[in-house]
């Protein structure tokens, strides 16, 4: 018998916002086999959500090149869609420029520490 996942876990694994998914997806546990099928051959609604959003916090942060904490510090509490993310990237506000630099430094420092541990 295949393990079932809560809809919220399945949405997280698919990189989508649960509340934007169809109602039957939101209310039905999904098996790992079903999740694999969704990944391999995504239905139109899933392709659309991944392309246009609204996106979960982690996906929004990654698209903007910042951390989840950076989103929080900027006061971004609602999910953003592709147009909103695109507008921020096209004309980055000061907070986004700052958070991208902070994120870049943190990633570089983490890489340096990881490299240091290898030696």
C-alpha atoms as a PDB file:
ATOM      1  CA  UNK A   1       0.000   0.000   0.000  1.00  0.00           C
ATOM      2  CA  UNK A   2       1.387   3.357  -1.023  1.00  0.00           C
ATOM      3  CA  UNK A   3       1.998   6.054   1.566  1.00  0.00           C
ATOM      4  CA  UNK A   4      -0.440   8.963   1.422  1.00  0.00           C
ATOM      5  CA  UNK A   5       0.472  12.600   1.858  1.00  0.00           C
ATOM      6  CA  UNK A   6      -1.632  15.423   3.202  1.00  0.00           C
ATOM      7  CA  UNK A   7      -2.627  17.869   0.466  1.00  0.00           C
ATOM      8  CA  UNK A   8      -0.436  20.554   2.086  1.00  0.00           C
ATOM      9  CA  UNK A   9       2.617  18.270   1.906  1.00  0.00           C
ATOM     10  CA  UNK A  10       1.884  17.335  -1.710  1.00  0.00           C
ATOM     11  CA  UNK A  11       1.502  21.023  -2.628  1.00  0.00           C
ATOM     12  CA  UNK A  12       4.810  21.823  -0.956  1.00  0.00           C
ATOM     13  CA  UNK A  13       6.558  19.014  -2.839  1.00  0.00           C
ATOM     14  CA  UNK A  14       5.064  20.311  -6.113  1.00  0.00           C
ATOM     15  CA  UNK A  15       6.087  23.898  -5.325  1.00  0.00           C
ATOM     16  CA  UNK A  16       2.558  25.298  -5.461  1.00  0.00           C
ATOM     17  CA  UNK A  17       0.307  27.237  -3.135  1.00  0.00           C
ATOM     18  CA  UNK A  18      -2.305  24.826  -1.751  1.00  0.00           C
ATOM     19  CA  UNK A  19      -5.079  27.431  -1.624  1.00  0.00           C
ATOM     20  CA  UNK A  20      -4.638  28.110  -5.359  1.00  0.00           C
ATOM     21  CA  UNK A  21      -4.990  24.422  -6.305  1.00  0.00           C
ATOM     22  CA  UNK A  22      -8.321  22.908  -7.361  1.00  0.00           C
ATOM     23  CA  UNK A  23     -10.651  22.070  -4.496  1.00  0.00           C
ATOM     24  CA  UNK A  24     -10.436  18.298  -5.022  1.00  0.00           C
ATOM     25  CA  UNK A  25      -6.622  18.500  -4.704  1.00  0.00           C
ATOM     26  CA  UNK A  26      -6.942  20.608  -1.544  1.00  0.00           C
ATOM     27  CA  UNK A  27      -9.275  18.127   0.138  1.00  0.00           C
ATOM     28  CA  UNK A  28      -7.939  14.718  -0.916  1.00  0.00           C
ATOM     29  CA  UNK A  29      -4.893  12.888   0.423  1.00  0.00           C
ATOM     30  CA  UNK A  30      -2.537  11.918  -2.400  1.00  0.00           C
ATOM     31  CA  UNK A  31      -0.397   8.814  -2.727  1.00  0.00           C
ATOM     32  CA  UNK A  32       3.293   8.927  -3.597  1.00  0.00           C
ATOM     33  CA  UNK A  33       2.417   7.217  -6.901  1.00  0.00           C
ATOM     34  CA  UNK A  34      -0.109   9.959  -7.696  1.00  0.00           C
ATOM     35  CA  UNK A  35       2.503  12.586  -6.797  1.00  0.00           C
ATOM     36  CA  UNK A  36       4.979  10.945  -9.172  1.00  0.00           C
ATOM     37  CA  UNK A  37       2.365  11.031 -11.949  1.00  0.00           C
ATOM     38  CA  UNK A  38       1.694  14.731 -11.275  1.00  0.00           C
ATOM     39  CA  UNK A  39       5.435  15.426 -11.490  1.00  0.00           C
ATOM     40  CA  UNK A  40       5.937  13.374 -14.661  1.00  0.00           C
ATOM     41  CA  UNK A  41       2.836  14.522 -16.529  1.00  0.00           C
ATOM     42  CA  UNK A  42       1.420  17.637 -14.830  1.00  0.00           C
ATOM     43  CA  UNK A  43      -2.178  18.574 -15.654  1.00  0.00           C
ATOM     44  CA  UNK A  44      -2.925  22.024 -17.108  1.00  0.00           C
ATOM     45  CA  UNK A  45      -3.874  23.523 -13.725  1.00  0.00           C
ATOM     46  CA  UNK A  46      -0.512  22.496 -12.239  1.00  0.00           C
ATOM     47  CA  UNK A  47       1.473  23.823 -15.211  1.00  0.00           C
ATOM     48  CA  UNK A  48      -0.433  27.114 -14.930  1.00  0.00           C
ATOM     49  CA  UNK A  49       0.153  27.433 -11.167  1.00  0.00           C
ATOM     50  CA  UNK A  50       3.861  26.742 -11.544  1.00  0.00           C
ATOM     51  CA  UNK A  51       4.156  29.268 -14.361  1.00  0.00           C
ATOM     52  CA  UNK A  52       1.841  32.051 -13.183  1.00  0.00           C
ATOM     53  CA  UNK A  53       1.350  31.569  -9.449  1.00  0.00           C
ATOM     54  CA  UNK A  54       0.352  32.678  -6.976  1.00  0.00           C
ATOM     55  CA  UNK A  55       3.544  31.209  -5.583  1.00  0.00           C
ATOM     56  CA  UNK A  56       4.348  29.915  -2.087  1.00  0.00           C
ATOM     57  CA  UNK A  57       6.789  31.996  -0.039  1.00  0.00           C
ATOM     58  CA  UNK A  58       9.793  29.748  -0.786  1.00  0.00           C
ATOM     59  CA  UNK A  59       9.212  29.921  -4.547  1.00  0.00           C
ATOM     60  CA  UNK A  60       8.703  33.693  -4.474  1.00  0.00           C
ATOM     61  CA  UNK A  61      11.925  34.156  -2.492  1.00  0.00           C
ATOM     62  CA  UNK A  62      13.863  31.931  -4.903  1.00  0.00           C
ATOM     63  CA  UNK A  63      12.504  33.779  -7.950  1.00  0.00           C
ATOM     64  CA  UNK A  64      13.563  37.080  -6.389  1.00  0.00           C
ATOM     65  CA  UNK A  65      16.966  35.731  -5.341  1.00  0.00           C
ATOM     66  CA  UNK A  66      16.426  36.408  -1.645  1.00  0.00           C
ATOM     67  CA  UNK A  67      15.663  34.449   1.526  1.00  0.00           C
ATOM     68  CA  UNK A  68      12.278  33.824   3.114  1.00  0.00           C
ATOM     69  CA  UNK A  69      13.434  36.109   5.923  1.00  0.00           C
ATOM     70  CA  UNK A  70      14.149  38.816   3.359  1.00  0.00           C
ATOM     71  CA  UNK A  71      10.554  38.604   2.164  1.00  0.00           C
ATOM     72  CA  UNK A  72       9.355  38.912   5.747  1.00  0.00           C
ATOM     73  CA  UNK A  73      11.613  41.906   6.437  1.00  0.00           C
ATOM     74  CA  UNK A  74      10.241  43.575   3.307  1.00  0.00           C
ATOM     75  CA  UNK A  75       6.689  43.111   4.583  1.00  0.00           C
ATOM     76  CA  UNK A  76       5.690  40.722   1.784  1.00  0.00           C
ATOM     77  CA  UNK A  77       3.111  38.560   3.525  1.00  0.00           C
ATOM     78  CA  UNK A  78       0.736  37.672   0.694  1.00  0.00           C
ATOM     79  CA  UNK A  79       1.543  35.246  -2.123  1.00  0.00           C
ATOM     80  CA  UNK A  80       2.764  36.934  -5.301  1.00  0.00           C
ATOM     81  CA  UNK A  81       1.997  35.919  -8.874  1.00  0.00           C
ATOM     82  CA  UNK A  82       4.319  35.924 -11.891  1.00  0.00           C
ATOM     83  CA  UNK A  83       3.334  39.466 -12.932  1.00  0.00           C
ATOM     84  CA  UNK A  84       4.085  40.845  -9.456  1.00  0.00           C
ATOM     85  CA  UNK A  85       7.431  39.027  -9.276  1.00  0.00           C
ATOM     86  CA  UNK A  86       8.249  40.193 -12.804  1.00  0.00           C
ATOM     87  CA  UNK A  87       7.479  43.813 -11.905  1.00  0.00           C
ATOM     88  CA  UNK A  88       9.784  43.618  -8.878  1.00  0.00           C
ATOM     89  CA  UNK A  89      12.575  42.122 -10.970  1.00  0.00           C
ATOM     90  CA  UNK A  90      12.110  44.640 -13.794  1.00  0.00           C
ATOM     91  CA  UNK A  91      12.369  47.638 -11.467  1.00  0.00           C
ATOM     92  CA  UNK A  92      13.860  46.401  -8.174  1.00  0.00           C
ATOM     93  CA  UNK A  93      12.962  48.544  -5.163  1.00  0.00           C
ATOM     94  CA  UNK A  94      15.733  49.431  -2.721  1.00  0.00           C
ATOM     95  CA  UNK A  95      14.712  46.687  -0.272  1.00  0.00           C
ATOM     96  CA  UNK A  96      15.052  44.028  -2.984  1.00  0.00           C
ATOM     97  CA  UNK A  97      18.504  45.230  -4.040  1.00  0.00           C
ATOM     98  CA  UNK A  98      19.574  45.167  -0.372  1.00  0.00           C
ATOM     99  CA  UNK A  99      18.079  41.718   0.345  1.00  0.00           C
ATOM    100  CA  UNK A 100      19.678  40.229  -2.779  1.00  0.00           C
ATOM    101  CA  UNK A 101      23.080  41.475  -1.611  1.00  0.00           C
ATOM    102  CA  UNK A 102      22.487  40.105   1.899  1.00  0.00           C
ATOM    103  CA  UNK A 103      21.416  36.746   0.452  1.00  0.00           C
ATOM    104  CA  UNK A 104      24.419  36.627  -1.892  1.00  0.00           C
ATOM    105  CA  UNK A 105      26.781  37.237   1.038  1.00  0.00           C
ATOM    106  CA  UNK A 106      25.116  34.561   3.194  1.00  0.00           C
ATOM    107  CA  UNK A 107      25.300  31.988   0.392  1.00  0.00           C
ATOM    108  CA  UNK A 108      28.956  32.855  -0.258  1.00  0.00           C
ATOM    109  CA  UNK A 109      29.814  32.593   3.448  1.00  0.00           C
ATOM    110  CA  UNK A 110      28.013  29.251   3.756  1.00  0.00           C
ATOM    111  CA  UNK A 111      29.948  27.947   0.752  1.00  0.00           C
ATOM    112  CA  UNK A 112      33.220  29.184   2.269  1.00  0.00           C
ATOM    113  CA  UNK A 113      32.467  27.450   5.579  1.00  0.00           C
ATOM    114  CA  UNK A 114      31.494  24.226   3.834  1.00  0.00           C
ATOM    115  CA  UNK A 115      34.708  24.325   1.813  1.00  0.00           C
ATOM    116  CA  UNK A 116      36.698  25.032   4.983  1.00  0.00           C
ATOM    117  CA  UNK A 117      35.183  21.965   6.678  1.00  0.00           C
ATOM    118  CA  UNK A 118      36.358  19.753   3.816  1.00  0.00           C
ATOM    119  CA  UNK A 119      39.990  20.718   4.452  1.00  0.00           C
END
